[in-house]
Amino acid sequence: MSVSNRSAIVLVHGAFQNAGTWGKVVSELEAKNCSIVAVNLPGRDGDLADPEKLSTDDYKQAVLSAVSAQAGQVVLVGHSFGGITISNVAEAIPEKIEALVYLSAYLPQDGQSMRDLAQTDTDSRLGKDGNFVMTPDYKYAFVKPDQAVAIFGDDATGADREAIGESLIREPLAPMANMVKLTAERFGRVPKYYIETTADAVVSPALQERMMAGTKLRRTFKINAGHASYVTRPSEVAGAILGVLSEVGAVNATE
């Protein structure tokens, strides 16, 4: 089965990002004739969403709209905080999701929030030395500007460092505390894959390993990269996603 007639790939960005984050990965996948949708979640700089009223339900609805617009099933990819969102989407419409792909993402258990998982990550540099900053009104969070590039892309050089710095924006704070509600009957039936970033300073490799150990995964991939692998290692990220496409296609062809 050729890549050109495989499922669409829906990409979901993480915190402090927007859909433009995926630019290099999109280019790599489009070069392989993949159909790509990169979702922009509510609350990004420039939209009119009230950050105090936003929740992960709003993020879920934005992705549900993108997924439902596709003719068939999709491969749903989430980076970082996007792992919470894709988990919620899979719970809502498991029949539309061919596979979930977590890229250095929070992979929750039922009842957990991103904040719960992040607070266990004692190896993350984001949670240390005042690097995670909240606005005085507690509506938004952002990464300490003089540390942001080093934390997200300590493996980046030259233009990649500039691109990472320019991509980072404020993130609505409230959704980070929202818990997921996941069931074995719905979320549990969707095949799951994990792409680990082994030099990650945001979601540490130690936390990634713990989350992977807590969930049944069909396959894992490893990339020697920091958190912004979508900028520094786009061909490897795209290669892993293509590996998932090939594998789920082969499995489905035998069913």
C-alpha atoms as a PDB file:
ATOM      1  CA  MET A   1       0.000   0.000   0.000  1.00  0.00           C
ATOM      2  CA  SER A   2       1.508   3.343  -1.033  1.00  0.00           C
ATOM      3  CA  VAL A   3       1.907   6.331   1.274  1.00  0.00           C
ATOM      4  CA  SER A   4      -0.218   8.441  -1.055  1.00  0.00           C
ATOM      5  CA  ASN A   5      -3.428   6.552  -0.171  1.00  0.00           C
ATOM      6  CA  ARG A   6      -2.755   6.165   3.530  1.00  0.00           C
ATOM      7  CA  SER A   7      -4.613   7.942   6.319  1.00  0.00           C
ATOM      8  CA  ALA A   8      -4.292  11.672   6.754  1.00  0.00           C
ATOM      9  CA  ILE A   9      -1.872  12.787   9.457  1.00  0.00           C
ATOM     10  CA  VAL A  10      -3.202  15.329  11.952  1.00  0.00           C
ATOM     11  CA  LEU A  11      -0.508  17.183  13.907  1.00  0.00           C
ATOM     12  CA  VAL A  12      -1.207  18.762  17.314  1.00  0.00           C
ATOM     13  CA  HIS A  13       1.316  21.174  18.776  1.00  0.00           C
ATOM     14  CA  GLY A  14       2.272  21.483  22.421  1.00  0.00           C
ATOM     15  CA  ALA A  15       2.404  24.319  24.932  1.00  0.00           C
ATOM     16  CA  PHE A  16       4.043  27.635  24.019  1.00  0.00           C
ATOM     17  CA  GLN A  17       3.569  26.770  20.334  1.00  0.00           C
ATOM     18  CA  ASN A  18       1.170  27.065  17.417  1.00  0.00           C
ATOM     19  CA  ALA A  19       0.614  25.058  14.244  1.00  0.00           C
ATOM     20  CA  GLY A  20       3.575  26.731  12.549  1.00  0.00           C
ATOM     21  CA  THR A  21       5.810  24.690  14.833  1.00  0.00           C
ATOM     22  CA  TRP A  22       5.397  21.762  12.443  1.00  0.00           C
ATOM     23  CA  GLY A  23       6.645  23.529   9.294  1.00  0.00           C
ATOM     24  CA  LYS A  24       9.753  21.433   8.678  1.00  0.00           C
ATOM     25  CA  VAL A  25       8.007  18.166   9.515  1.00  0.00           C
ATOM     26  CA  VAL A  26       5.111  19.049   7.222  1.00  0.00           C
ATOM     27  CA  SER A  27       7.555  19.668   4.367  1.00  0.00           C
ATOM     28  CA  GLU A  28       9.215  16.292   4.953  1.00  0.00           C
ATOM     29  CA  LEU A  29       5.892  14.441   4.988  1.00  0.00           C
ATOM     30  CA  GLU A  30       4.412  16.286   2.025  1.00  0.00           C
ATOM     31  CA  ALA A  31       7.498  15.286   0.042  1.00  0.00           C
ATOM     32  CA  LYS A  32       6.324  11.696   0.643  1.00  0.00           C
ATOM     33  CA  ASN A  33       2.834  12.527  -0.659  1.00  0.00           C
ATOM     34  CA  CYS A  34       1.232  12.467   2.769  1.00  0.00           C
ATOM     35  CA  SER A  35      -1.971  14.379   3.501  1.00  0.00           C
ATOM     36  CA  ILE A  36      -1.256  16.672   6.470  1.00  0.00           C
ATOM     37  CA  VAL A  37      -3.389  18.845   8.753  1.00  0.00           C
ATOM     38  CA  ALA A  38      -1.660  20.940  11.441  1.00  0.00           C
ATOM     39  CA  VAL A  39      -4.189  22.168  13.997  1.00  0.00           C
ATOM     40  CA  ASN A  40      -3.921  25.566  15.679  1.00  0.00           C
ATOM     41  CA  LEU A  41      -5.325  25.260  19.200  1.00  0.00           C
ATOM     42  CA  PRO A  42      -7.361  28.047  20.833  1.00  0.00           C
ATOM     43  CA  GLY A  43      -5.583  30.603  23.004  1.00  0.00           C
ATOM     44  CA  ARG A  44      -2.662  31.306  20.708  1.00  0.00           C
ATOM     45  CA  ASP A  45      -1.394  34.881  20.553  1.00  0.00           C
ATOM     46  CA  GLY A  46      -3.641  36.906  18.298  1.00  0.00           C
ATOM     47  CA  ASP A  47      -6.938  35.046  18.744  1.00  0.00           C
ATOM     48  CA  LEU A  48      -9.815  36.300  20.865  1.00  0.00           C
ATOM     49  CA  ALA A  49     -10.233  33.336  23.209  1.00  0.00           C
ATOM     50  CA  ASP A  50     -10.540  34.237  26.885  1.00  0.00           C
ATOM     51  CA  PRO A  51      -7.658  32.333  28.548  1.00  0.00           C
ATOM     52  CA  GLU A  52      -9.544  32.051  31.836  1.00  0.00           C
ATOM     53  CA  LYS A  53     -12.413  30.221  30.131  1.00  0.00           C
ATOM     54  CA  LEU A  54     -10.306  27.864  28.034  1.00  0.00           C
ATOM     55  CA  SER A  55     -10.047  24.185  28.882  1.00  0.00           C
ATOM     56  CA  THR A  56      -8.719  21.031  27.317  1.00  0.00           C
ATOM     57  CA  ASP A  57     -12.271  20.495  26.044  1.00  0.00           C
ATOM     58  CA  ASP A  58     -11.729  23.486  23.746  1.00  0.00           C
ATOM     59  CA  TYR A  59      -8.465  21.956  22.531  1.00  0.00           C
ATOM     60  CA  LYS A  60     -10.261  18.642  21.992  1.00  0.00           C
ATOM     61  CA  GLN A  61     -13.022  20.303  19.990  1.00  0.00           C
ATOM     62  CA  ALA A  62     -10.525  22.028  17.698  1.00  0.00           C
ATOM     63  CA  VAL A  63      -8.874  18.698  16.895  1.00  0.00           C
ATOM     64  CA  LEU A  64     -12.193  16.854  16.626  1.00  0.00           C
ATOM     65  CA  SER A  65     -13.221  19.315  13.925  1.00  0.00           C
ATOM     66  CA  ALA A  66     -10.031  18.649  11.972  1.00  0.00           C
ATOM     67  CA  VAL A  67     -10.299  14.874  12.360  1.00  0.00           C
ATOM     68  CA  SER A  68     -13.993  14.763  11.481  1.00  0.00           C
ATOM     69  CA  ALA A  69     -13.316  16.677   8.270  1.00  0.00           C
ATOM     70  CA  GLN A  70     -11.185  13.794   6.973  1.00  0.00           C
ATOM     71  CA  ALA A  71     -12.847  11.115   4.872  1.00  0.00           C
ATOM     72  CA  GLY A  72     -11.381   8.155   6.729  1.00  0.00           C
ATOM     73  CA  GLN A  73      -9.304   7.388   9.785  1.00  0.00           C
ATOM     74  CA  VAL A  74      -6.326   9.543  10.743  1.00  0.00           C
ATOM     75  CA  VAL A  75      -2.975   9.098  12.404  1.00  0.00           C
ATOM     76  CA  LEU A  76      -3.024  11.629  15.226  1.00  0.00           C
ATOM     77  CA  VAL A  77       0.315  13.037  16.392  1.00  0.00           C
ATOM     78  CA  GLY A  78       0.749  15.117  19.543  1.00  0.00           C
ATOM     79  CA  HIS A  79       3.848  16.898  20.786  1.00  0.00           C
ATOM     80  CA  SER A  80       4.384  17.652  24.491  1.00  0.00           C
ATOM     81  CA  PHE A  81       1.087  19.033  25.938  1.00  0.00           C
ATOM     82  CA  GLY A  82      -0.480  17.854  22.679  1.00  0.00           C
ATOM     83  CA  GLY A  83      -0.319  14.351  24.157  1.00  0.00           C
ATOM     84  CA  ILE A  84      -3.113  15.303  26.545  1.00  0.00           C
ATOM     85  CA  THR A  85      -5.198  16.617  23.671  1.00  0.00           C
ATOM     86  CA  ILE A  86      -4.798  13.603  21.404  1.00  0.00           C
ATOM     87  CA  SER A  87      -5.650  11.304  24.311  1.00  0.00           C
ATOM     88  CA  ASN A  88      -8.909  13.198  24.863  1.00  0.00           C
ATOM     89  CA  VAL A  89      -9.708  13.035  21.144  1.00  0.00           C
ATOM     90  CA  ALA A  90      -9.106   9.283  21.031  1.00  0.00           C
ATOM     91  CA  GLU A  91     -11.467   8.820  23.955  1.00  0.00           C
ATOM     92  CA  ALA A  92     -14.127  10.845  22.119  1.00  0.00           C
ATOM     93  CA  ILE A  93     -13.859   9.254  18.639  1.00  0.00           C
ATOM     94  CA  PRO A  94     -11.683   6.107  18.743  1.00  0.00           C
ATOM     95  CA  GLU A  95     -13.258   4.827  15.536  1.00  0.00           C
ATOM     96  CA  LYS A  96     -11.672   7.721  13.592  1.00  0.00           C
ATOM     97  CA  ILE A  97      -8.150   7.237  14.970  1.00  0.00           C
ATOM     98  CA  GLU A  98      -5.940   4.672  13.258  1.00  0.00           C
ATOM     99  CA  ALA A  99      -3.045   5.363  15.633  1.00  0.00           C
ATOM    100  CA  LEU A 100      -1.885   7.813  18.272  1.00  0.00           C
ATOM    101  CA  VAL A 101       1.714   9.040  18.081  1.00  0.00           C
ATOM    102  CA  TYR A 102       3.231  10.770  21.111  1.00  0.00           C
ATOM    103  CA  LEU A 103       6.291  12.910  20.319  1.00  0.00           C
ATOM    104  CA  SER A 104       8.099  13.681  23.580  1.00  0.00           C
ATOM    105  CA  ALA A 105       4.552  14.067  24.827  1.00  0.00           C
ATOM    106  CA  TYR A 106       2.660  13.753  28.057  1.00  0.00           C
ATOM    107  CA  LEU A 107       1.043  10.314  27.980  1.00  0.00           C
ATOM    108  CA  PRO A 108      -1.541  10.374  30.765  1.00  0.00           C
ATOM    109  CA  GLN A 109      -3.385   7.795  32.760  1.00  0.00           C
ATOM    110  CA  ASP A 110      -7.058   8.301  33.579  1.00  0.00           C
ATOM    111  CA  GLY A 111      -7.492  11.196  36.026  1.00  0.00           C
ATOM    112  CA  GLN A 112      -4.140  12.850  35.370  1.00  0.00           C
ATOM    113  CA  SER A 113      -3.463  16.354  34.076  1.00  0.00           C
ATOM    114  CA  MET A 114      -0.431  17.796  32.370  1.00  0.00           C
ATOM    115  CA  ARG A 115       0.354  19.611  35.609  1.00  0.00           C
ATOM    116  CA  ASP A 116       0.257  16.340  37.549  1.00  0.00           C
ATOM    117  CA  LEU A 117       2.767  14.741  35.207  1.00  0.00           C
ATOM    118  CA  ALA A 118       5.019  17.797  34.991  1.00  0.00           C
ATOM    119  CA  GLN A 119       5.211  18.052  38.776  1.00  0.00           C
ATOM    120  CA  THR A 120       6.698  14.551  38.933  1.00  0.00           C
ATOM    121  CA  ASP A 121       9.424  15.500  36.446  1.00  0.00           C
ATOM    122  CA  THR A 122      12.282  16.426  38.748  1.00  0.00           C
ATOM    123  CA  ASP A 123      14.743  16.249  35.833  1.00  0.00           C
ATOM    124  CA  SER A 124      12.972  18.862  33.715  1.00  0.00           C
ATOM    125  CA  ARG A 125      14.790  22.195  33.406  1.00  0.00           C
ATOM    126  CA  LEU A 126      11.503  23.920  32.662  1.00  0.00           C
ATOM    127  CA  GLY A 127      10.379  23.471  36.248  1.00  0.00           C
ATOM    128  CA  LYS A 128      13.597  24.812  37.780  1.00  0.00           C
ATOM    129  CA  ASP A 129      15.261  28.178  38.409  1.00  0.00           C
ATOM    130  CA  GLY A 130      12.170  30.202  37.628  1.00  0.00           C
ATOM    131  CA  ASN A 131      12.149  29.078  33.998  1.00  0.00           C
ATOM    132  CA  PHE A 132       8.371  28.542  34.001  1.00  0.00           C
ATOM    133  CA  VAL A 133       6.907  32.026  34.443  1.00  0.00           C
ATOM    134  CA  MET A 134       3.284  32.951  35.141  1.00  0.00           C
ATOM    135  CA  THR A 135       1.856  36.352  34.290  1.00  0.00           C
ATOM    136  CA  PRO A 136       0.755  38.423  37.303  1.00  0.00           C
ATOM    137  CA  ASP A 137      -2.928  37.778  36.500  1.00  0.00           C
ATOM    138  CA  TYR A 138      -2.289  34.003  36.295  1.00  0.00           C
ATOM    139  CA  LYS A 139      -3.891  33.839  32.852  1.00  0.00           C
ATOM    140  CA  TYR A 140      -0.803  32.792  30.909  1.00  0.00           C
ATOM    141  CA  ALA A 141       2.527  31.084  31.348  1.00  0.00           C
ATOM    142  CA  PHE A 142       5.687  31.553  29.324  1.00  0.00           C
ATOM    143  CA  VAL A 143       9.264  30.309  29.313  1.00  0.00           C
ATOM    144  CA  LYS A 144      11.898  32.583  30.810  1.00  0.00           C
ATOM    145  CA  PRO A 145      13.151  34.399  27.700  1.00  0.00           C
ATOM    146  CA  ASP A 146      16.889  34.150  28.322  1.00  0.00           C
ATOM    147  CA  GLN A 147      16.609  30.382  28.872  1.00  0.00           C
ATOM    148  CA  ALA A 148      13.885  29.428  26.395  1.00  0.00           C
ATOM    149  CA  VAL A 149      16.056  28.421  23.448  1.00  0.00           C
ATOM    150  CA  ALA A 150      18.484  26.477  25.608  1.00  0.00           C
ATOM    151  CA  ILE A 151      15.653  24.571  27.280  1.00  0.00           C
ATOM    152  CA  PHE A 152      13.680  23.762  24.136  1.00  0.00           C
ATOM    153  CA  GLY A 153      16.587  23.310  21.764  1.00  0.00           C
ATOM    154  CA  ASP A 154      19.888  22.858  23.528  1.00  0.00           C
ATOM    155  CA  ASP A 155      20.948  20.703  20.560  1.00  0.00           C
ATOM    156  CA  ALA A 156      20.091  23.466  18.055  1.00  0.00           C
ATOM    157  CA  THR A 157      22.619  25.571  16.184  1.00  0.00           C
ATOM    158  CA  GLY A 158      22.505  28.627  13.939  1.00  0.00           C
ATOM    159  CA  ALA A 159      19.194  29.306  12.229  1.00  0.00           C
ATOM    160  CA  ASP A 160      17.483  26.548  14.197  1.00  0.00           C
ATOM    161  CA  ARG A 161      18.144  28.384  17.458  1.00  0.00           C
ATOM    162  CA  GLU A 162      16.618  31.524  15.996  1.00  0.00           C
ATOM    163  CA  ALA A 163      13.597  29.605  14.708  1.00  0.00           C
ATOM    164  CA  ILE A 164      12.970  28.022  18.112  1.00  0.00           C
ATOM    165  CA  GLY A 165      13.220  31.367  19.876  1.00  0.00           C
ATOM    166  CA  GLU A 166      10.807  33.017  17.463  1.00  0.00           C
ATOM    167  CA  SER A 167       8.280  30.191  17.757  1.00  0.00           C
ATOM    168  CA  LEU A 168       7.758  30.352  21.523  1.00  0.00           C
ATOM    169  CA  ILE A 169       4.622  32.170  22.693  1.00  0.00           C
ATOM    170  CA  ARG A 170       2.507  32.536  25.826  1.00  0.00           C
ATOM    171  CA  GLU A 171       0.350  29.592  26.851  1.00  0.00           C
ATOM    172  CA  PRO A 172      -3.058  29.784  28.594  1.00  0.00           C
ATOM    173  CA  LEU A 173      -2.500  28.485  32.107  1.00  0.00           C
ATOM    174  CA  ALA A 174      -5.874  26.993  33.075  1.00  0.00           C
ATOM    175  CA  PRO A 175      -5.950  23.951  30.732  1.00  0.00           C
ATOM    176  CA  MET A 176      -2.727  22.614  32.191  1.00  0.00           C
ATOM    177  CA  ALA A 177      -4.644  21.596  35.337  1.00  0.00           C
ATOM    178  CA  ASN A 178      -7.519  19.830  33.534  1.00  0.00           C
ATOM    179  CA  MET A 179      -7.664  16.080  34.143  1.00  0.00           C
ATOM    180  CA  VAL A 180      -8.268  13.528  31.413  1.00  0.00           C
ATOM    181  CA  LYS A 181     -11.077  10.984  31.544  1.00  0.00           C
ATOM    182  CA  LEU A 182      -9.926   7.876  29.707  1.00  0.00           C
ATOM    183  CA  THR A 183     -11.433   4.402  29.443  1.00  0.00           C
ATOM    184  CA  ALA A 184     -10.055   1.055  28.350  1.00  0.00           C
ATOM    185  CA  GLU A 185     -13.078   0.581  26.079  1.00  0.00           C
ATOM    186  CA  ARG A 186     -12.394   3.724  24.020  1.00  0.00           C
ATOM    187  CA  PHE A 187      -8.931   5.244  24.513  1.00  0.00           C
ATOM    188  CA  GLY A 188      -7.530   1.829  25.332  1.00  0.00           C
ATOM    189  CA  ARG A 189      -8.453   0.297  21.982  1.00  0.00           C
ATOM    190  CA  VAL A 190      -6.479   2.784  19.850  1.00  0.00           C
ATOM    191  CA  PRO A 191      -2.932   1.671  18.878  1.00  0.00           C
ATOM    192  CA  LYS A 192      -0.281   3.890  20.472  1.00  0.00           C
ATOM    193  CA  TYR A 193       3.289   4.760  19.526  1.00  0.00           C
ATOM    194  CA  TYR A 194       5.874   6.883  21.297  1.00  0.00           C
ATOM    195  CA  ILE A 195       8.786   8.900  19.882  1.00  0.00           C
ATOM    196  CA  GLU A 196      11.246   9.518  22.698  1.00  0.00           C
ATOM    197  CA  THR A 197      13.657  12.455  22.574  1.00  0.00           C
ATOM    198  CA  THR A 198      16.672  11.358  24.560  1.00  0.00           C
ATOM    199  CA  ALA A 199      18.200  14.807  25.191  1.00  0.00           C
ATOM    200  CA  ASP A 200      14.962  16.515  26.230  1.00  0.00           C
ATOM    201  CA  ALA A 201      15.121  19.231  28.902  1.00  0.00           C
ATOM    202  CA  VAL A 202      11.359  19.927  28.998  1.00  0.00           C
ATOM    203  CA  VAL A 203       9.798  16.463  29.238  1.00  0.00           C
ATOM    204  CA  SER A 204      12.783  14.571  30.557  1.00  0.00           C
ATOM    205  CA  PRO A 205      13.788  11.164  29.199  1.00  0.00           C
ATOM    206  CA  ALA A 206      13.193   9.759  32.692  1.00  0.00           C
ATOM    207  CA  LEU A 207       9.564  10.900  32.668  1.00  0.00           C
ATOM    208  CA  GLN A 208       9.110   9.738  29.092  1.00  0.00           C
ATOM    209  CA  GLU A 209      10.350   6.282  30.104  1.00  0.00           C
ATOM    210  CA  ARG A 210       7.973   6.152  33.089  1.00  0.00           C
ATOM    211  CA  MET A 211       4.998   7.138  30.963  1.00  0.00           C
ATOM    212  CA  MET A 212       5.887   4.598  28.295  1.00  0.00           C
ATOM    213  CA  ALA A 213       6.166   1.884  30.925  1.00  0.00           C
ATOM    214  CA  GLY A 214       2.669   2.728  32.173  1.00  0.00           C
ATOM    215  CA  THR A 215       0.907   2.331  28.816  1.00  0.00           C
ATOM    216  CA  LYS A 216       0.690  -0.516  26.321  1.00  0.00           C
ATOM    217  CA  LEU A 217       2.527   0.725  23.238  1.00  0.00           C
ATOM    218  CA  ARG A 218       2.731  -0.990  19.901  1.00  0.00           C
ATOM    219  CA  ARG A 219       6.198   0.421  19.181  1.00  0.00           C
ATOM    220  CA  THR A 220       8.643   3.083  20.370  1.00  0.00           C
ATOM    221  CA  PHE A 221      11.199   5.193  18.515  1.00  0.00           C
ATOM    222  CA  LYS A 222      14.200   7.104  19.862  1.00  0.00           C
ATOM    223  CA  ILE A 223      15.609  10.371  18.516  1.00  0.00           C
ATOM    224  CA  ASN A 224      18.766  11.933  19.944  1.00  0.00           C
ATOM    225  CA  ALA A 225      17.290  15.406  20.205  1.00  0.00           C
ATOM    226  CA  GLY A 226      15.945  18.005  22.582  1.00  0.00           C
ATOM    227  CA  HIS A 227      12.321  19.025  22.965  1.00  0.00           C
ATOM    228  CA  ALA A 228      12.180  20.963  19.688  1.00  0.00           C
ATOM    229  CA  SER A 229      12.972  17.926  17.537  1.00  0.00           C
ATOM    230  CA  TYR A 230      10.420  19.206  15.018  1.00  0.00           C
ATOM    231  CA  VAL A 231      12.989  21.934  14.229  1.00  0.00           C
ATOM    232  CA  THR A 232      16.325  20.218  14.860  1.00  0.00           C
ATOM    233  CA  ARG A 233      15.517  16.684  13.602  1.00  0.00           C
ATOM    234  CA  PRO A 234      12.503  17.011  11.287  1.00  0.00           C
ATOM    235  CA  SER A 235      13.565  14.187   8.966  1.00  0.00           C
ATOM    236  CA  GLU A 236      13.841  11.796  11.914  1.00  0.00           C
ATOM    237  CA  VAL A 237      10.477  12.869  13.310  1.00  0.00           C
ATOM    238  CA  ALA A 238       8.896  12.447   9.881  1.00  0.00           C
ATOM    239  CA  GLY A 239      10.634   9.095   9.466  1.00  0.00           C
ATOM    240  CA  ALA A 240       9.142   7.795  12.695  1.00  0.00           C
ATOM    241  CA  ILE A 241       5.667   8.969  11.685  1.00  0.00           C
ATOM    242  CA  LEU A 242       6.097   7.261   8.315  1.00  0.00           C
ATOM    243  CA  GLY A 243       7.152   4.129  10.188  1.00  0.00           C
ATOM    244  CA  VAL A 244       3.857   4.241  12.080  1.00  0.00           C
ATOM    245  CA  LEU A 245       1.923   4.725   8.827  1.00  0.00           C
ATOM    246  CA  SER A 246       3.619   1.715   7.305  1.00  0.00           C
ATOM    247  CA  GLU A 247       3.075  -0.458  10.358  1.00  0.00           C
ATOM    248  CA  VAL A 248      -0.593   0.288  10.932  1.00  0.00           C
ATOM    249  CA  GLY A 249      -1.218  -0.139   7.208  1.00  0.00           C
ATOM    250  CA  ALA A 250       0.444  -3.542   7.237  1.00  0.00           C
ATOM    251  CA  VAL A 251      -1.490  -4.622  10.329  1.00  0.00           C
ATOM    252  CA  ASN A 252      -4.821  -3.459   8.928  1.00  0.00           C
ATOM    253  CA  ALA A 253      -4.139  -5.204   5.618  1.00  0.00           C
ATOM    254  CA  THR A 254      -3.973  -8.539   7.429  1.00  0.00           C
ATOM    255  CA  GLU A 255      -7.110  -8.035   9.511  1.00  0.00           C
END
